[in-house]
Amino acid sequence: MTAKGDRAAFRKLQEYQRRSEAFKPGTSATGERSQEWSGVTFRLGTSQLACNIDQVQEILPLPSATPVPGAQPWILGLANVRGNLMTVVDLGWFLNGEPAEITSSSRLLATGPHKSPVGLLIDEVYGQRHFLNSDAQTAELAEDSPLSGLVHRQHQLGTEFWQEVDLDRLFNTAEFLNGAAT
């Protein structure tokens, strides 16, 4: 390659570096704040759901849990996760009144309000997806859906619809907060 070609390639690399250093994640090409958010997508029964990735600390296989006497049946117990106690909740059982079928795809979403670790048992994790707020639609739920208080919008990616679960609402419902058996 000639010296002239080397200089052009070097200038191109300098341009890439300049553009890379100027890029700010979460902003559009015009420098405006992007309306994109990242979610963890998962399945609970037949529902395809997503929750904000900032609310999930970790995704775990189901650990063994020690039952808590006097707790609601949907509270599976307490699990020791790397030396920290985590309350394990069967989210499907809490919402639908039916215990989840534990399979090799079952996972815990490690989350929790105010740094209180809670593991939400779900049927399957699909991974991380990026959604645009501008593409969000009002969620289409049946009136008697147990998700109606937790899901207000849904996102479409291709032919799939993902209902956005608000975990903060879940953690602030009286039924969830009162895990004592009646």
C-alpha atoms as a PDB file:
ATOM      1  CA  MET A   1       0.000   0.000   0.000  1.00  0.00           C
ATOM      2  CA  THR A   2       1.282   3.484  -0.760  1.00  0.00           C
ATOM      3  CA  ALA A   3       1.970   6.152   1.805  1.00  0.00           C
ATOM      4  CA  LYS A   4      -1.049   8.095   0.486  1.00  0.00           C
ATOM      5  CA  GLY A   5      -3.315   5.065   1.111  1.00  0.00           C
ATOM      6  CA  ASP A   6      -1.857   4.646   4.596  1.00  0.00           C
ATOM      7  CA  ARG A   7      -2.708   8.273   5.447  1.00  0.00           C
ATOM      8  CA  ALA A   8      -6.299   7.864   4.228  1.00  0.00           C
ATOM      9  CA  ALA A   9      -6.723   4.716   6.306  1.00  0.00           C
ATOM     10  CA  PHE A  10      -5.209   6.461   9.334  1.00  0.00           C
ATOM     11  CA  ARG A  11      -7.546   9.469   8.896  1.00  0.00           C
ATOM     12  CA  LYS A  12     -10.493   7.059   8.680  1.00  0.00           C
ATOM     13  CA  LEU A  13      -9.428   5.430  11.953  1.00  0.00           C
ATOM     14  CA  GLN A  14      -9.106   8.875  13.567  1.00  0.00           C
ATOM     15  CA  GLU A  15     -12.647   9.704  12.388  1.00  0.00           C
ATOM     16  CA  TYR A  16     -13.961   6.468  13.924  1.00  0.00           C
ATOM     17  CA  GLN A  17     -12.225   7.288  17.194  1.00  0.00           C
ATOM     18  CA  ARG A  18     -13.641  10.836  17.241  1.00  0.00           C
ATOM     19  CA  ARG A  19     -17.170   9.560  16.610  1.00  0.00           C
ATOM     20  CA  SER A  20     -16.786   6.830  19.221  1.00  0.00           C
ATOM     21  CA  GLU A  21     -15.597   9.287  21.873  1.00  0.00           C
ATOM     22  CA  ALA A  22     -18.468  11.665  21.063  1.00  0.00           C
ATOM     23  CA  PHE A  23     -21.117   8.944  21.333  1.00  0.00           C
ATOM     24  CA  LYS A  24     -23.146   8.954  24.541  1.00  0.00           C
ATOM     25  CA  PRO A  25     -25.161   5.767  25.168  1.00  0.00           C
ATOM     26  CA  GLY A  26     -28.883   6.442  25.483  1.00  0.00           C
ATOM     27  CA  THR A  27     -28.845   9.384  23.074  1.00  0.00           C
ATOM     28  CA  SER A  28     -29.937   9.664  19.485  1.00  0.00           C
ATOM     29  CA  ALA A  29     -27.764  10.836  16.596  1.00  0.00           C
ATOM     30  CA  THR A  30     -28.972  14.413  17.207  1.00  0.00           C
ATOM     31  CA  GLY A  31     -27.817  14.254  20.845  1.00  0.00           C
ATOM     32  CA  GLU A  32     -31.343  14.083  22.278  1.00  0.00           C
ATOM     33  CA  ARG A  33     -32.120  11.584  25.008  1.00  0.00           C
ATOM     34  CA  SER A  34     -33.247   8.300  23.454  1.00  0.00           C
ATOM     35  CA  GLN A  35     -36.675   7.000  24.352  1.00  0.00           C
ATOM     36  CA  GLU A  36     -35.411   3.430  24.456  1.00  0.00           C
ATOM     37  CA  TRP A  37     -35.417   1.176  27.455  1.00  0.00           C
ATOM     38  CA  SER A  38     -34.075  -2.311  27.992  1.00  0.00           C
ATOM     39  CA  GLY A  39     -36.144  -5.082  29.444  1.00  0.00           C
ATOM     40  CA  VAL A  40     -35.760  -8.659  30.571  1.00  0.00           C
ATOM     41  CA  THR A  41     -38.283 -10.745  28.661  1.00  0.00           C
ATOM     42  CA  PHE A  42     -39.840 -13.840  30.150  1.00  0.00           C
ATOM     43  CA  ARG A  43     -42.808 -16.162  30.109  1.00  0.00           C
ATOM     44  CA  LEU A  44     -45.307 -16.643  32.897  1.00  0.00           C
ATOM     45  CA  GLY A  45     -47.885 -19.209  31.865  1.00  0.00           C
ATOM     46  CA  THR A  46     -48.951 -18.177  28.376  1.00  0.00           C
ATOM     47  CA  SER A  47     -48.085 -14.486  28.873  1.00  0.00           C
ATOM     48  CA  GLN A  48     -44.998 -12.952  27.289  1.00  0.00           C
ATOM     49  CA  LEU A  49     -43.806 -10.286  29.698  1.00  0.00           C
ATOM     50  CA  ALA A  50     -40.997  -7.781  30.080  1.00  0.00           C
ATOM     51  CA  CYS A  51     -39.772  -5.808  33.054  1.00  0.00           C
ATOM     52  CA  ASN A  52     -37.268  -3.005  33.187  1.00  0.00           C
ATOM     53  CA  ILE A  53     -33.749  -4.425  33.250  1.00  0.00           C
ATOM     54  CA  ASP A  54     -32.816  -1.948  35.993  1.00  0.00           C
ATOM     55  CA  GLN A  55     -35.191  -3.794  38.324  1.00  0.00           C
ATOM     56  CA  VAL A  56     -33.509  -7.180  37.849  1.00  0.00           C
ATOM     57  CA  GLN A  57     -30.280  -7.801  39.688  1.00  0.00           C
ATOM     58  CA  GLU A  58     -29.710 -11.350  38.506  1.00  0.00           C
ATOM     59  CA  ILE A  59     -31.361 -14.327  36.826  1.00  0.00           C
ATOM     60  CA  LEU A  60     -30.883 -17.580  38.712  1.00  0.00           C
ATOM     61  CA  PRO A  61     -31.816 -21.234  38.523  1.00  0.00           C
ATOM     62  CA  LEU A  62     -34.282 -22.144  41.270  1.00  0.00           C
ATOM     63  CA  PRO A  63     -32.337 -22.750  44.508  1.00  0.00           C
ATOM     64  CA  SER A  64     -33.667 -24.891  47.329  1.00  0.00           C
ATOM     65  CA  ALA A  65     -35.783 -22.844  49.726  1.00  0.00           C
ATOM     66  CA  THR A  66     -36.662 -23.398  53.368  1.00  0.00           C
ATOM     67  CA  PRO A  67     -40.413 -23.004  53.949  1.00  0.00           C
ATOM     68  CA  VAL A  68     -41.551 -20.193  56.211  1.00  0.00           C
ATOM     69  CA  PRO A  69     -44.201 -21.257  58.756  1.00  0.00           C
ATOM     70  CA  GLY A  70     -47.345 -19.155  58.606  1.00  0.00           C
ATOM     71  CA  ALA A  71     -46.591 -17.719  55.152  1.00  0.00           C
ATOM     72  CA  GLN A  72     -48.877 -17.697  52.141  1.00  0.00           C
ATOM     73  CA  PRO A  73     -48.438 -20.822  49.998  1.00  0.00           C
ATOM     74  CA  TRP A  74     -47.070 -18.741  47.085  1.00  0.00           C
ATOM     75  CA  ILE A  75     -44.093 -17.813  49.260  1.00  0.00           C
ATOM     76  CA  LEU A  76     -41.958 -20.865  48.625  1.00  0.00           C
ATOM     77  CA  GLY A  77     -39.530 -19.975  51.393  1.00  0.00           C
ATOM     78  CA  LEU A  78     -36.149 -18.451  52.029  1.00  0.00           C
ATOM     79  CA  ALA A  79     -33.101 -19.334  49.974  1.00  0.00           C
ATOM     80  CA  ASN A  80     -29.452 -18.709  50.708  1.00  0.00           C
ATOM     81  CA  VAL A  81     -27.992 -17.035  47.620  1.00  0.00           C
ATOM     82  CA  ARG A  82     -24.269 -16.424  48.101  1.00  0.00           C
ATOM     83  CA  GLY A  83     -24.733 -15.797  51.828  1.00  0.00           C
ATOM     84  CA  ASN A  84     -27.789 -13.542  51.488  1.00  0.00           C
ATOM     85  CA  LEU A  85     -31.329 -14.607  52.361  1.00  0.00           C
ATOM     86  CA  MET A  86     -33.786 -14.200  49.518  1.00  0.00           C
ATOM     87  CA  THR A  87     -37.558 -14.596  49.737  1.00  0.00           C
ATOM     88  CA  VAL A  88     -38.660 -16.933  46.933  1.00  0.00           C
ATOM     89  CA  VAL A  89     -42.111 -16.143  45.509  1.00  0.00           C
ATOM     90  CA  ASP A  90     -43.983 -18.208  42.912  1.00  0.00           C
ATOM     91  CA  LEU A  91     -45.223 -15.274  40.824  1.00  0.00           C
ATOM     92  CA  GLY A  92     -47.669 -17.389  38.833  1.00  0.00           C
ATOM     93  CA  TRP A  93     -49.179 -18.809  42.021  1.00  0.00           C
ATOM     94  CA  PHE A  94     -49.474 -15.332  43.508  1.00  0.00           C
ATOM     95  CA  LEU A  95     -51.230 -13.984  40.414  1.00  0.00           C
ATOM     96  CA  ASN A  96     -53.266 -16.983  39.248  1.00  0.00           C
ATOM     97  CA  GLY A  97     -53.752 -19.041  42.394  1.00  0.00           C
ATOM     98  CA  GLU A  98     -52.056 -22.082  40.811  1.00  0.00           C
ATOM     99  CA  PRO A  99     -48.545 -23.305  41.640  1.00  0.00           C
ATOM    100  CA  ALA A 100     -46.036 -23.174  38.816  1.00  0.00           C
ATOM    101  CA  GLU A 101     -44.809 -26.336  37.203  1.00  0.00           C
ATOM    102  CA  ILE A 102     -41.086 -26.385  37.911  1.00  0.00           C
ATOM    103  CA  THR A 103     -39.120 -27.311  34.774  1.00  0.00           C
ATOM    104  CA  SER A 104     -35.536 -27.033  33.601  1.00  0.00           C
ATOM    105  CA  SER A 105     -36.497 -23.637  32.095  1.00  0.00           C
ATOM    106  CA  SER A 106     -37.819 -22.213  35.390  1.00  0.00           C
ATOM    107  CA  ARG A 107     -35.810 -19.285  36.715  1.00  0.00           C
ATOM    108  CA  LEU A 108     -35.772 -16.708  39.480  1.00  0.00           C
ATOM    109  CA  LEU A 109     -35.665 -13.010  38.695  1.00  0.00           C
ATOM    110  CA  ALA A 110     -33.635 -11.660  41.592  1.00  0.00           C
ATOM    111  CA  THR A 111     -35.134  -8.294  42.353  1.00  0.00           C
ATOM    112  CA  GLY A 112     -36.689  -6.576  45.324  1.00  0.00           C
ATOM    113  CA  PRO A 113     -37.972  -3.361  46.750  1.00  0.00           C
ATOM    114  CA  HIS A 114     -35.617  -1.221  48.787  1.00  0.00           C
ATOM    115  CA  LYS A 115     -32.761  -3.729  48.489  1.00  0.00           C
ATOM    116  CA  SER A 116     -34.865  -6.484  50.116  1.00  0.00           C
ATOM    117  CA  PRO A 117     -33.979  -9.486  47.966  1.00  0.00           C
ATOM    118  CA  VAL A 118     -36.937 -11.249  46.382  1.00  0.00           C
ATOM    119  CA  GLY A 119     -36.690 -14.038  43.844  1.00  0.00           C
ATOM    120  CA  LEU A 120     -39.688 -14.202  41.522  1.00  0.00           C
ATOM    121  CA  LEU A 121     -40.187 -17.698  40.106  1.00  0.00           C
ATOM    122  CA  ILE A 122     -41.077 -17.509  36.415  1.00  0.00           C
ATOM    123  CA  ASP A 123     -41.509 -20.165  33.742  1.00  0.00           C
ATOM    124  CA  GLU A 124     -38.784 -19.138  31.295  1.00  0.00           C
ATOM    125  CA  VAL A 125     -36.412 -16.265  30.527  1.00  0.00           C
ATOM    126  CA  TYR A 126     -35.978 -15.228  26.901  1.00  0.00           C
ATOM    127  CA  GLY A 127     -33.288 -12.607  27.427  1.00  0.00           C
ATOM    128  CA  GLN A 128     -32.813  -8.884  27.026  1.00  0.00           C
ATOM    129  CA  ARG A 129     -34.753  -6.831  24.499  1.00  0.00           C
ATOM    130  CA  HIS A 130     -34.681  -3.136  23.666  1.00  0.00           C
ATOM    131  CA  PHE A 131     -37.975  -1.286  23.340  1.00  0.00           C
ATOM    132  CA  LEU A 132     -38.869   2.200  22.118  1.00  0.00           C
ATOM    133  CA  ASN A 133     -41.341   4.114  24.270  1.00  0.00           C
ATOM    134  CA  SER A 134     -42.812   5.559  21.085  1.00  0.00           C
ATOM    135  CA  ASP A 135     -43.807   2.038  19.994  1.00  0.00           C
ATOM    136  CA  ALA A 136     -45.644   1.248  23.238  1.00  0.00           C
ATOM    137  CA  GLN A 137     -49.383   0.646  23.093  1.00  0.00           C
ATOM    138  CA  THR A 138     -52.039   0.340  25.756  1.00  0.00           C
ATOM    139  CA  ALA A 139     -52.007  -3.247  26.996  1.00  0.00           C
ATOM    140  CA  GLU A 140     -54.811  -5.446  25.770  1.00  0.00           C
ATOM    141  CA  LEU A 141     -55.793  -7.487  28.822  1.00  0.00           C
ATOM    142  CA  ALA A 142     -59.002  -9.205  29.791  1.00  0.00           C
ATOM    143  CA  GLU A 143     -60.856  -7.398  32.574  1.00  0.00           C
ATOM    144  CA  ASP A 144     -60.396 -10.327  34.924  1.00  0.00           C
ATOM    145  CA  SER A 145     -56.681 -10.738  34.105  1.00  0.00           C
ATOM    146  CA  PRO A 146     -54.503 -10.984  37.222  1.00  0.00           C
ATOM    147  CA  LEU A 147     -51.991  -8.796  35.363  1.00  0.00           C
ATOM    148  CA  SER A 148     -54.422  -5.885  34.944  1.00  0.00           C
ATOM    149  CA  GLY A 149     -53.048  -3.915  37.895  1.00  0.00           C
ATOM    150  CA  LEU A 150     -49.434  -4.571  36.954  1.00  0.00           C
ATOM    151  CA  VAL A 151     -49.409  -4.146  33.157  1.00  0.00           C
ATOM    152  CA  HIS A 152     -50.480  -0.918  31.471  1.00  0.00           C
ATOM    153  CA  ARG A 153     -48.651  -1.025  28.171  1.00  0.00           C
ATOM    154  CA  GLN A 154     -47.237  -3.488  25.699  1.00  0.00           C
ATOM    155  CA  HIS A 155     -44.537  -3.415  23.074  1.00  0.00           C
ATOM    156  CA  GLN A 156     -44.467  -5.044  19.680  1.00  0.00           C
ATOM    157  CA  LEU A 157     -41.266  -6.435  18.236  1.00  0.00           C
ATOM    158  CA  GLY A 158     -41.964  -8.022  14.884  1.00  0.00           C
ATOM    159  CA  THR A 159     -44.943 -10.300  15.385  1.00  0.00           C
ATOM    160  CA  GLU A 160     -44.441 -10.647  19.158  1.00  0.00           C
ATOM    161  CA  PHE A 161     -46.133  -8.596  21.852  1.00  0.00           C
ATOM    162  CA  TRP A 162     -44.447  -8.083  25.208  1.00  0.00           C
ATOM    163  CA  GLN A 163     -46.516  -6.825  28.124  1.00  0.00           C
ATOM    164  CA  GLU A 164     -44.543  -4.530  30.402  1.00  0.00           C
ATOM    165  CA  VAL A 165     -44.809  -5.546  34.062  1.00  0.00           C
ATOM    166  CA  ASP A 166     -44.303  -2.794  36.623  1.00  0.00           C
ATOM    167  CA  LEU A 167     -42.522  -4.566  39.494  1.00  0.00           C
ATOM    168  CA  ASP A 168     -42.777  -1.464  41.698  1.00  0.00           C
ATOM    169  CA  ARG A 169     -46.570  -1.791  41.543  1.00  0.00           C
ATOM    170  CA  LEU A 170     -46.291  -5.474  42.415  1.00  0.00           C
ATOM    171  CA  PHE A 171     -44.115  -4.738  45.433  1.00  0.00           C
ATOM    172  CA  ASN A 172     -46.568  -2.097  46.650  1.00  0.00           C
ATOM    173  CA  THR A 173     -49.756  -4.155  46.470  1.00  0.00           C
ATOM    174  CA  ALA A 174     -51.241  -4.988  49.862  1.00  0.00           C
ATOM    175  CA  GLU A 175     -51.635  -8.669  48.912  1.00  0.00           C
ATOM    176  CA  PHE A 176     -47.943  -9.002  48.033  1.00  0.00           C
ATOM    177  CA  LEU A 177     -46.751  -7.103  51.068  1.00  0.00           C
ATOM    178  CA  ASN A 178     -48.858  -9.217  53.428  1.00  0.00           C
ATOM    179  CA  GLY A 179     -47.364 -12.665  52.957  1.00  0.00           C
ATOM    180  CA  ALA A 180     -48.855 -14.013  56.178  1.00  0.00           C
ATOM    181  CA  ALA A 181     -51.331 -16.854  55.720  1.00  0.00           C
ATOM    182  CA  THR A 182     -54.882 -16.111  56.778  1.00  0.00           C
END
